[in-house]
Amino acid sequence: MKANSLQIEIDGIDKEILRDLMGDARKPILQIANKIGISGAAIHQRLRKLEEAGVISGSKFVLNNKVLGYKTMAFVGIYLDKASSNSETVRELRKIPEVIECHYTTGNWSILVKIICKDNEHLMQLLNKKIQPIEGVSRTETFISLEQQIERQIQL
C-alpha cells in the first residue's frame, strides 16, 4: 500500500458508506443505498473514488487465530548489529508465516514484529530457530500478549 500524498475530503455520505462496510464488508450495496437514500450506482461511484484516492486499499476476511489453534500472540523487539541490516532482516522475516506485522521503529529496537504461535513452546522454537539466527540480529526482546483488549480501525 502506497501512501497518497494528497489528502481527500470525505463527506458524511462517504463516512456512512465506509462505516457500514467496515462493520461488514459483505453488506449488500443496495441495502446501504436504501438506508442512506441514494442509488446503488452512486455508492459504487463513491467507492471507486475512495479506492482511486487510496482511502480504501482492499477488503479481506478476518480469520480467528485462536479457532485455528494460534493461542499465543507476542511482540518481538529486534536489535540489529547495524541499521544497514534492516532490509535483509525484513526479507528473512517475510519468510516466516507466523510474523504477521513488521515495523521499522524508533527507540531501542530497529524492528518490532507481531507474531502468532500455537503456544509458548512454538514461540520459543520460532525465536531460537528462525528469528535469532537471522544474520544481523544481535538479540531480541519478547512481550507476550495476555489479552488483546482493543482491535479496531480509525473511527470515521
Protein backbone atom coordinates (compact mmCIF):
# COMPACT_ATOMS: atom_id res chain seq x y z
CA MET A 1 0.00 0.00 0.00
CA LYS A 2 1.48 3.33 -1.06
CA ALA A 3 0.80 6.44 0.95
CA ASN A 4 -1.15 9.03 -1.00
CA SER A 5 0.49 12.46 -0.82
CA LEU A 6 -2.85 14.21 -1.38
CA GLN A 7 -5.47 14.37 1.32
CA ILE A 8 -9.01 13.66 0.17
CA GLU A 9 -12.12 15.23 1.65
CA ILE A 10 -14.77 12.68 2.54
CA ASP A 11 -18.29 13.81 3.30
CA GLY A 12 -20.95 12.43 5.63
CA ILE A 13 -22.32 10.05 2.98
CA ASP A 14 -18.83 8.66 2.30
CA LYS A 15 -18.34 8.16 6.05
CA GLU A 16 -21.68 6.38 6.39
CA ILE A 17 -20.84 4.05 3.48
CA LEU A 18 -17.40 3.32 4.94
CA ARG A 19 -18.78 2.69 8.46
CA ASP A 20 -21.29 0.17 7.06
CA LEU A 21 -18.64 -1.65 5.03
CA MET A 22 -16.08 -1.59 7.86
CA GLY A 23 -18.70 -3.27 10.04
CA ASP A 24 -19.44 -5.89 7.37
CA ALA A 25 -17.62 -5.78 4.03
CA ARG A 26 -20.16 -8.25 2.61
CA LYS A 27 -23.15 -5.98 3.30
CA PRO A 28 -25.11 -5.57 0.04
CA ILE A 29 -24.60 -2.19 -1.64
CA LEU A 30 -28.34 -1.87 -2.26
CA GLN A 31 -29.02 -2.31 1.46
CA ILE A 32 -26.63 0.56 2.21
CA ALA A 33 -28.15 2.63 -0.61
CA ASN A 34 -31.68 2.17 0.74
CA LYS A 35 -30.56 3.10 4.25
CA ILE A 36 -28.79 6.27 3.08
CA GLY A 37 -31.34 7.20 0.44
CA ILE A 38 -29.13 7.26 -2.67
CA SER A 39 -28.77 4.89 -5.63
CA GLY A 40 -26.55 1.83 -5.69
CA ALA A 41 -24.77 3.36 -8.70
CA ALA A 42 -23.94 6.46 -6.64
CA ILE A 43 -22.44 4.26 -3.92
CA HIS A 44 -20.34 2.39 -6.49
CA GLN A 45 -19.07 5.74 -7.87
CA ARG A 46 -18.16 6.94 -4.38
CA LEU A 47 -16.39 3.67 -3.58
CA ARG A 48 -14.43 3.87 -6.84
CA LYS A 49 -13.40 7.47 -5.98
CA LEU A 50 -12.29 6.37 -2.49
CA GLU A 51 -10.31 3.43 -3.92
CA GLU A 52 -8.59 5.63 -6.53
CA ALA A 53 -7.67 8.12 -3.78
CA GLY A 54 -6.17 5.29 -1.68
CA VAL A 55 -8.66 5.65 1.19
CA ILE A 56 -9.75 2.04 0.60
CA SER A 57 -6.91 -0.38 -0.01
CA GLY A 58 -8.98 -3.54 -0.38
CA SER A 59 -11.23 -5.82 1.59
CA LYS A 60 -10.42 -9.03 3.38
CA PHE A 61 -11.79 -11.78 5.56
CA VAL A 62 -10.60 -11.69 9.16
CA LEU A 63 -9.56 -15.10 10.48
CA ASN A 64 -9.94 -16.06 14.12
CA ASN A 65 -6.40 -17.13 15.03
CA LYS A 66 -7.48 -18.85 18.25
CA VAL A 67 -10.02 -21.05 16.46
CA LEU A 68 -7.21 -22.02 14.06
CA GLY A 69 -5.04 -23.07 17.03
CA TYR A 70 -2.84 -19.97 17.36
CA LYS A 71 -3.34 -19.09 21.02
CA THR A 72 -0.15 -17.09 21.71
CA MET A 73 0.41 -13.59 20.36
CA ALA A 74 3.70 -11.85 21.01
CA PHE A 75 5.56 -8.71 20.10
CA VAL A 76 9.28 -9.09 19.48
CA GLY A 77 11.67 -6.16 19.50
CA ILE A 78 14.63 -6.96 17.28
CA TYR A 79 18.03 -5.35 17.85
CA LEU A 80 20.23 -5.25 14.76
CA ASP A 81 24.03 -5.19 14.63
CA LYS A 82 23.78 -2.23 12.25
CA ALA A 83 20.92 -0.30 10.63
CA SER A 84 22.06 -1.38 7.16
CA SER A 85 20.95 -4.94 8.03
CA ASN A 86 17.31 -3.81 8.09
CA SER A 87 16.24 -4.69 4.53
CA GLU A 88 17.89 -8.14 4.58
CA THR A 89 16.39 -8.89 8.01
CA VAL A 90 12.91 -7.90 6.81
CA ARG A 91 13.38 -10.07 3.72
CA GLU A 92 14.11 -13.06 6.01
CA LEU A 93 11.21 -12.21 8.36
CA ARG A 94 8.81 -12.27 5.38
CA LYS A 95 9.63 -15.98 5.00
CA ILE A 96 8.24 -16.74 8.50
CA PRO A 97 4.45 -17.17 8.21
CA GLU A 98 3.88 -16.52 11.91
CA VAL A 99 5.20 -12.96 11.52
CA ILE A 100 2.00 -11.04 10.79
CA GLU A 101 3.27 -7.46 11.19
CA CYS A 102 6.69 -5.85 10.92
CA HIS A 103 7.51 -2.24 11.80
CA TYR A 104 10.71 -0.19 11.43
CA THR A 105 10.80 1.77 14.68
CA THR A 106 12.48 4.49 16.65
CA GLY A 107 13.79 3.72 20.12
CA ASN A 108 15.81 0.77 21.33
CA TRP A 109 14.83 -1.76 18.69
CA SER A 110 15.30 -1.42 14.97
CA ILE A 111 12.34 -3.65 14.17
CA LEU A 112 9.17 -4.61 16.04
CA VAL A 113 7.25 -7.66 14.84
CA LYS A 114 3.90 -9.10 15.85
CA ILE A 115 3.76 -12.88 15.72
CA ILE A 116 1.19 -15.55 16.38
CA CYS A 117 2.06 -19.02 17.63
CA LYS A 118 0.20 -22.13 18.70
CA ASP A 119 1.63 -21.92 22.22
CA ASN A 120 4.68 -20.74 24.21
CA GLU A 121 6.78 -23.70 23.05
CA HIS A 122 6.07 -22.79 19.42
CA LEU A 123 7.07 -19.19 20.27
CA MET A 124 10.35 -20.36 21.80
CA GLN A 125 11.15 -22.52 18.74
CA LEU A 126 10.35 -19.62 16.43
CA LEU A 127 12.64 -17.26 18.35
CA ASN A 128 15.51 -19.74 18.76
CA LYS A 129 15.45 -21.39 15.34
CA LYS A 130 14.09 -18.78 12.92
CA ILE A 131 14.35 -15.19 14.19
CA GLN A 132 17.53 -15.05 16.32
CA PRO A 133 19.67 -16.90 13.72
CA ILE A 134 18.93 -14.26 11.05
CA GLU A 135 22.20 -12.59 10.10
CA GLY A 136 22.37 -9.09 11.55
CA VAL A 137 20.07 -9.83 14.51
CA SER A 138 22.06 -9.23 17.69
CA ARG A 139 19.27 -10.01 20.17
CA THR A 140 15.52 -9.91 20.71
CA GLU A 141 13.15 -8.80 23.44
CA THR A 142 9.79 -10.57 23.62
CA PHE A 143 6.47 -9.48 25.09
CA ILE A 144 3.62 -12.00 25.23
CA SER A 145 0.15 -10.54 24.89
CA LEU A 146 -2.08 -11.88 27.65
CA GLU A 147 -5.25 -10.49 26.08
CA GLN A 148 -5.99 -8.16 23.18
CA GLN A 149 -8.38 -5.63 24.65
CA ILE A 150 -8.87 -3.27 21.71
CA GLU A 151 -8.89 -4.09 18.00
CA ARG A 152 -10.27 -1.53 15.60
CA GLN A 153 -9.66 0.75 12.67
CA ILE A 154 -9.72 4.52 12.78
CA GLN A 155 -13.17 5.86 13.67
CA LEU A 156 -15.00 7.85 10.99
